[in-house]
Amino acid sequence: MKNISLFLAFILIFSSANAQDSTEDAFTIQTIVNEWNQHHLNFDGVEQMVVVYRENFQDMKLAGVERNNNKWQVQLNAVRASIGRNGLIDAAHKAEGDGCTPTGIYALGQLFSYEANIATRIPFIQTNSEDKWVDDVNSPQYNQYVHGATTAKSFENLLLKSVHYKYCMVIEYNTHPIVKGKGSAIFFHVADEKYSATAGCVAIAEKDMLQYLKWLDPKKKTAIFVFADDEEDD
């Protein structure tokens, strides 16, 4: 996994730099092609990307990068992030209820919010008590959004008493197609003050999430890259 470590080093360098210093921050698309193709990851056409990685194999970090003129530049510097309580896992081994965050590159999908108004260009659904995400493996609605009644025996309410889903974007893991038992409700959402571990989602502070909602452009192809490291991608 030496190439993974090398790419992680690139990200660490860029995350500490000022986003305006394009000469220092930018790295060529060819570097990304070489690194990602070796791990069979598809990034074709992605213009904005949220990168999740482990700094020095300890703390989880998240940064925003954008492709301009075939080079990637840091637009939002690294912030603290939370992941699944049981760490990262290769998507091939992900299972419902394992408490792991799947590694790989995934599109960012539907945005949900408790709020009626958000400073974002992203279309969103204001959630209420009727909004759910099904995690019942035996339900035909498994890993799908449902508004209203459902026959599923298990689901998550998208309007919580906690801050977690105040701003919540779907990470398009196991959505196209949906494979029963491979994991559900993998979101990019708000972390609490303790940065508590999630059930498999990626979470950041509310103030940081608001910056991402302002930055992400629905006219561009966006993705989240959960970056595997040597410790957990064996």
Protein backbone atom coordinates (compact mmCIF):
# COMPACT_ATOMS: atom_id res chain seq x y z
CA MET A 1 0.00 0.00 0.00
CA LYS A 2 2.93 2.37 -0.54
CA ASN A 3 1.07 4.27 -3.27
CA ILE A 4 -1.82 4.91 -0.87
CA SER A 5 0.61 6.35 1.68
CA LEU A 6 2.17 8.56 -0.99
CA PHE A 7 -1.19 9.95 -2.04
CA LEU A 8 -2.11 10.53 1.61
CA ALA A 9 1.09 12.55 1.97
CA PHE A 10 -0.03 14.71 -0.99
CA ILE A 11 -3.37 15.38 0.68
CA LEU A 12 -1.71 16.29 3.99
CA ILE A 13 0.53 18.82 2.25
CA PHE A 14 -2.39 20.41 0.44
CA SER A 15 -4.66 20.53 3.48
CA SER A 16 -2.19 22.71 5.34
CA ALA A 17 -1.81 25.20 2.49
CA ASN A 18 -3.92 28.29 1.79
CA ALA A 19 -6.63 27.55 -0.75
CA GLN A 20 -5.65 30.63 -2.74
CA ASP A 21 -2.08 29.47 -3.30
CA SER A 22 -2.97 27.54 -6.42
CA THR A 23 0.62 26.92 -7.48
CA GLU A 24 1.50 25.08 -4.26
CA ASP A 25 -1.91 23.46 -3.74
CA ALA A 26 -2.60 22.11 -7.21
CA PHE A 27 -1.55 18.63 -8.30
CA THR A 28 -1.97 17.15 -11.74
CA ILE A 29 -4.85 14.95 -12.84
CA GLN A 30 -2.32 12.37 -13.98
CA THR A 31 -1.17 11.81 -10.40
CA ILE A 32 -4.73 11.08 -9.38
CA VAL A 33 -5.28 8.81 -12.38
CA ASN A 34 -2.22 6.76 -11.51
CA GLU A 35 -3.12 6.42 -7.83
CA TRP A 36 -6.82 5.75 -8.20
CA ASN A 37 -6.69 3.44 -11.20
CA GLN A 38 -4.45 1.08 -9.25
CA HIS A 39 -7.33 0.64 -6.83
CA HIS A 40 -10.06 0.43 -9.50
CA LEU A 41 -11.74 3.64 -8.44
CA ASN A 42 -13.82 5.60 -10.95
CA PHE A 43 -13.50 9.39 -10.83
CA ASP A 44 -14.39 10.22 -14.45
CA GLY A 45 -15.88 13.68 -14.78
CA VAL A 46 -15.73 14.59 -11.08
CA GLU A 47 -15.16 18.33 -10.66
CA GLN A 48 -15.66 18.86 -6.92
CA MET A 49 -14.65 16.28 -4.35
CA VAL A 50 -14.86 15.90 -0.60
CA VAL A 51 -11.81 13.91 0.52
CA VAL A 52 -11.95 11.96 3.79
CA TYR A 53 -8.65 10.64 5.12
CA ARG A 54 -6.78 9.74 8.30
CA GLU A 55 -4.08 12.22 9.30
CA ASN A 56 -0.95 10.41 10.49
CA PHE A 57 -3.12 7.28 10.79
CA GLN A 58 -4.87 8.85 13.79
CA ASP A 59 -7.39 11.66 13.40
CA MET A 60 -9.96 11.69 10.62
CA LYS A 61 -9.89 14.77 8.41
CA LEU A 62 -11.97 16.06 5.52
CA ALA A 63 -11.06 18.60 2.82
CA GLY A 64 -12.67 20.00 -0.32
CA VAL A 65 -10.84 19.93 -3.66
CA GLU A 66 -11.86 21.13 -7.09
CA ARG A 67 -10.51 20.38 -10.55
CA ASN A 68 -9.51 23.37 -12.64
CA ASN A 69 -7.56 23.13 -15.90
CA ASN A 70 -6.74 19.47 -15.26
CA LYS A 71 -5.32 20.23 -11.83
CA TRP A 72 -6.83 19.69 -8.40
CA GLN A 73 -6.78 22.59 -5.96
CA VAL A 74 -7.79 22.71 -2.32
CA GLN A 75 -10.81 24.96 -1.90
CA LEU A 76 -11.77 24.12 1.67
CA ASN A 77 -8.95 23.32 4.09
CA ALA A 78 -8.98 20.21 6.24
CA VAL A 79 -11.34 19.98 9.21
CA ARG A 80 -12.00 17.30 11.80
CA ALA A 81 -14.39 14.51 10.81
CA SER A 82 -16.07 11.48 12.35
CA ILE A 83 -16.61 8.09 10.73
CA GLY A 84 -18.14 4.75 11.71
CA ARG A 85 -17.51 3.44 15.22
CA ASN A 86 -15.67 0.43 13.78
CA GLY A 87 -13.56 2.40 11.32
CA LEU A 88 -13.16 2.04 7.56
CA ILE A 89 -13.91 -1.01 5.48
CA ASP A 90 -13.52 -1.99 1.84
CA ALA A 91 -16.95 -1.72 0.20
CA ALA A 92 -16.69 -5.36 -0.89
CA HIS A 93 -16.84 -6.40 2.78
CA LYS A 94 -19.39 -3.86 4.01
CA ALA A 95 -22.50 -5.31 5.70
CA GLU A 96 -25.64 -3.93 7.27
CA GLY A 97 -25.12 -2.95 10.90
CA ASP A 98 -21.33 -3.40 10.98
CA GLY A 99 -20.68 0.18 12.11
CA CYS A 100 -18.09 0.73 9.37
CA THR A 101 -17.69 3.48 6.79
CA PRO A 102 -17.17 2.11 3.26
CA THR A 103 -14.09 3.33 1.40
CA GLY A 104 -14.22 4.43 -2.22
CA ILE A 105 -15.60 7.22 -4.40
CA TYR A 106 -19.33 7.92 -4.30
CA ALA A 107 -21.59 10.58 -5.74
CA LEU A 108 -23.21 13.02 -3.33
CA GLY A 109 -26.97 12.75 -3.58
CA GLN A 110 -30.11 14.22 -2.04
CA LEU A 111 -29.75 16.89 0.63
CA PHE A 112 -32.14 16.90 3.60
CA SER A 113 -32.45 19.59 6.26
CA TYR A 114 -34.55 20.55 9.24
CA GLU A 115 -34.37 24.15 7.98
CA ALA A 116 -36.70 25.92 5.54
CA ASN A 117 -33.90 28.10 4.18
CA ILE A 118 -30.22 27.24 3.63
CA ALA A 119 -27.41 29.25 2.06
CA THR A 120 -26.83 26.67 -0.69
CA ARG A 121 -27.43 26.16 -4.40
CA ILE A 122 -28.21 22.50 -3.80
CA PRO A 123 -31.90 21.52 -4.03
CA PHE A 124 -33.02 20.10 -0.70
CA ILE A 125 -35.95 18.53 1.10
CA GLN A 126 -37.05 20.09 4.38
CA THR A 127 -37.65 17.08 6.58
CA ASN A 128 -40.62 16.40 8.82
CA SER A 129 -41.85 13.46 10.87
CA GLU A 130 -42.97 11.64 7.71
CA ASP A 131 -39.46 11.39 6.25
CA LYS A 132 -37.61 8.10 6.70
CA TRP A 133 -34.72 6.03 5.37
CA VAL A 134 -35.33 2.27 5.39
CA ASP A 135 -32.69 -0.08 6.82
CA ASP A 136 -34.85 -3.21 6.97
CA VAL A 137 -32.95 -5.73 4.82
CA ASN A 138 -36.14 -7.64 4.06
CA SER A 139 -38.08 -4.61 2.88
CA PRO A 140 -38.52 -3.81 -0.85
CA GLN A 141 -37.71 -0.22 0.20
CA TYR A 142 -34.32 -1.18 1.68
CA ASN A 143 -31.81 1.68 1.54
CA GLN A 144 -34.38 4.06 0.10
CA TYR A 145 -35.98 7.34 1.11
CA VAL A 146 -39.65 7.10 2.06
CA HIS A 147 -42.08 9.91 2.80
CA GLY A 148 -45.12 8.67 4.67
CA ALA A 149 -46.18 5.18 5.66
CA THR A 150 -43.99 2.13 5.17
CA THR A 151 -44.30 -1.57 5.89
CA ALA A 152 -40.59 -1.75 6.74
CA LYS A 153 -39.91 -3.06 10.23
CA SER A 154 -36.86 -0.85 10.67
CA PHE A 155 -36.02 2.65 9.44
CA GLU A 156 -34.32 5.88 10.44
CA ASN A 157 -36.27 9.06 10.95
CA LEU A 158 -34.66 11.92 9.06
CA LEU A 159 -36.03 14.49 11.51
CA LEU A 160 -34.20 13.84 14.77
CA LYS A 161 -34.10 15.56 18.14
CA SER A 162 -30.31 15.72 17.75
CA VAL A 163 -28.30 17.96 15.43
CA HIS A 164 -27.00 15.05 13.33
CA TYR A 165 -29.38 15.27 10.38
CA LYS A 166 -29.89 19.05 10.50
CA TYR A 167 -27.95 19.01 7.22
CA CYS A 168 -27.66 15.55 5.71
CA MET A 169 -26.56 14.48 2.23
CA VAL A 170 -26.90 10.98 0.86
CA ILE A 171 -23.61 9.27 0.05
CA GLU A 172 -24.58 7.17 -2.95
CA TYR A 173 -23.19 3.94 -1.55
CA ASN A 174 -25.22 0.79 -2.38
CA THR A 175 -27.83 2.79 -4.27
CA HIS A 176 -27.34 1.93 -7.96
CA PRO A 177 -28.04 -0.96 -7.70
CA ILE A 178 -29.18 -1.70 -4.17
CA VAL A 179 -27.83 -4.96 -2.80
CA LYS A 180 -29.70 -6.34 0.19
CA GLY A 181 -27.55 -6.48 3.30
CA LYS A 182 -24.64 -4.43 1.93
CA GLY A 183 -25.39 -1.41 4.12
CA SER A 184 -27.84 1.45 4.19
CA ALA A 185 -28.28 5.08 5.22
CA ILE A 186 -24.69 6.17 4.59
CA PHE A 187 -24.83 9.95 4.90
CA PHE A 188 -22.62 13.04 5.02
CA HIS A 189 -24.07 14.88 8.01
CA VAL A 190 -23.46 17.04 11.06
CA ALA A 191 -21.28 15.87 13.95
CA ASP A 192 -22.19 16.57 17.55
CA GLU A 193 -19.90 18.57 19.84
CA LYS A 194 -18.01 15.42 20.88
CA TYR A 195 -17.50 14.26 17.29
CA SER A 196 -19.08 10.98 18.33
CA ALA A 197 -18.49 7.99 16.06
CA THR A 198 -21.27 7.29 13.59
CA ALA A 199 -22.97 4.08 12.49
CA GLY A 200 -21.10 4.30 9.16
CA CYS A 201 -21.64 7.88 8.00
CA VAL A 202 -19.16 10.76 7.64
CA ALA A 203 -19.83 13.75 9.90
CA ILE A 204 -18.35 17.22 10.40
CA ALA A 205 -19.18 20.20 12.62
CA GLU A 206 -22.23 22.27 11.68
CA LYS A 207 -20.13 25.36 10.93
CA ASP A 208 -17.98 23.32 8.55
CA MET A 209 -20.99 21.69 6.89
CA LEU A 210 -22.41 25.14 6.15
CA GLN A 211 -19.19 25.97 4.28
CA TYR A 212 -19.53 22.81 2.18
CA LEU A 213 -23.15 23.57 1.38
CA LYS A 214 -22.12 27.00 0.10
CA TRP A 215 -19.25 25.56 -1.95
CA LEU A 216 -20.83 22.51 -3.59
CA ASP A 217 -22.26 23.33 -7.00
CA PRO A 218 -25.16 21.21 -8.32
CA LYS A 219 -24.12 22.12 -11.88
CA LYS A 220 -20.85 20.25 -11.35
CA LYS A 221 -20.28 16.54 -10.83
CA THR A 222 -19.53 16.09 -7.14
CA ALA A 223 -18.28 13.13 -5.17
CA ILE A 224 -16.95 12.06 -1.80
CA PHE A 225 -13.74 10.04 -1.65
CA VAL A 226 -13.32 8.01 1.55
CA PHE A 227 -9.65 7.26 1.44
CA ALA A 228 -8.40 3.86 2.63
CA ASP A 229 -5.18 3.74 4.65
CA ASP A 230 -2.63 1.05 5.43
CA GLU A 231 -4.11 0.23 8.83
CA GLU A 232 -7.64 -0.59 7.70
CA ASP A 233 -7.48 -1.53 4.03
CA ASP A 234 -5.83 -4.91 4.40
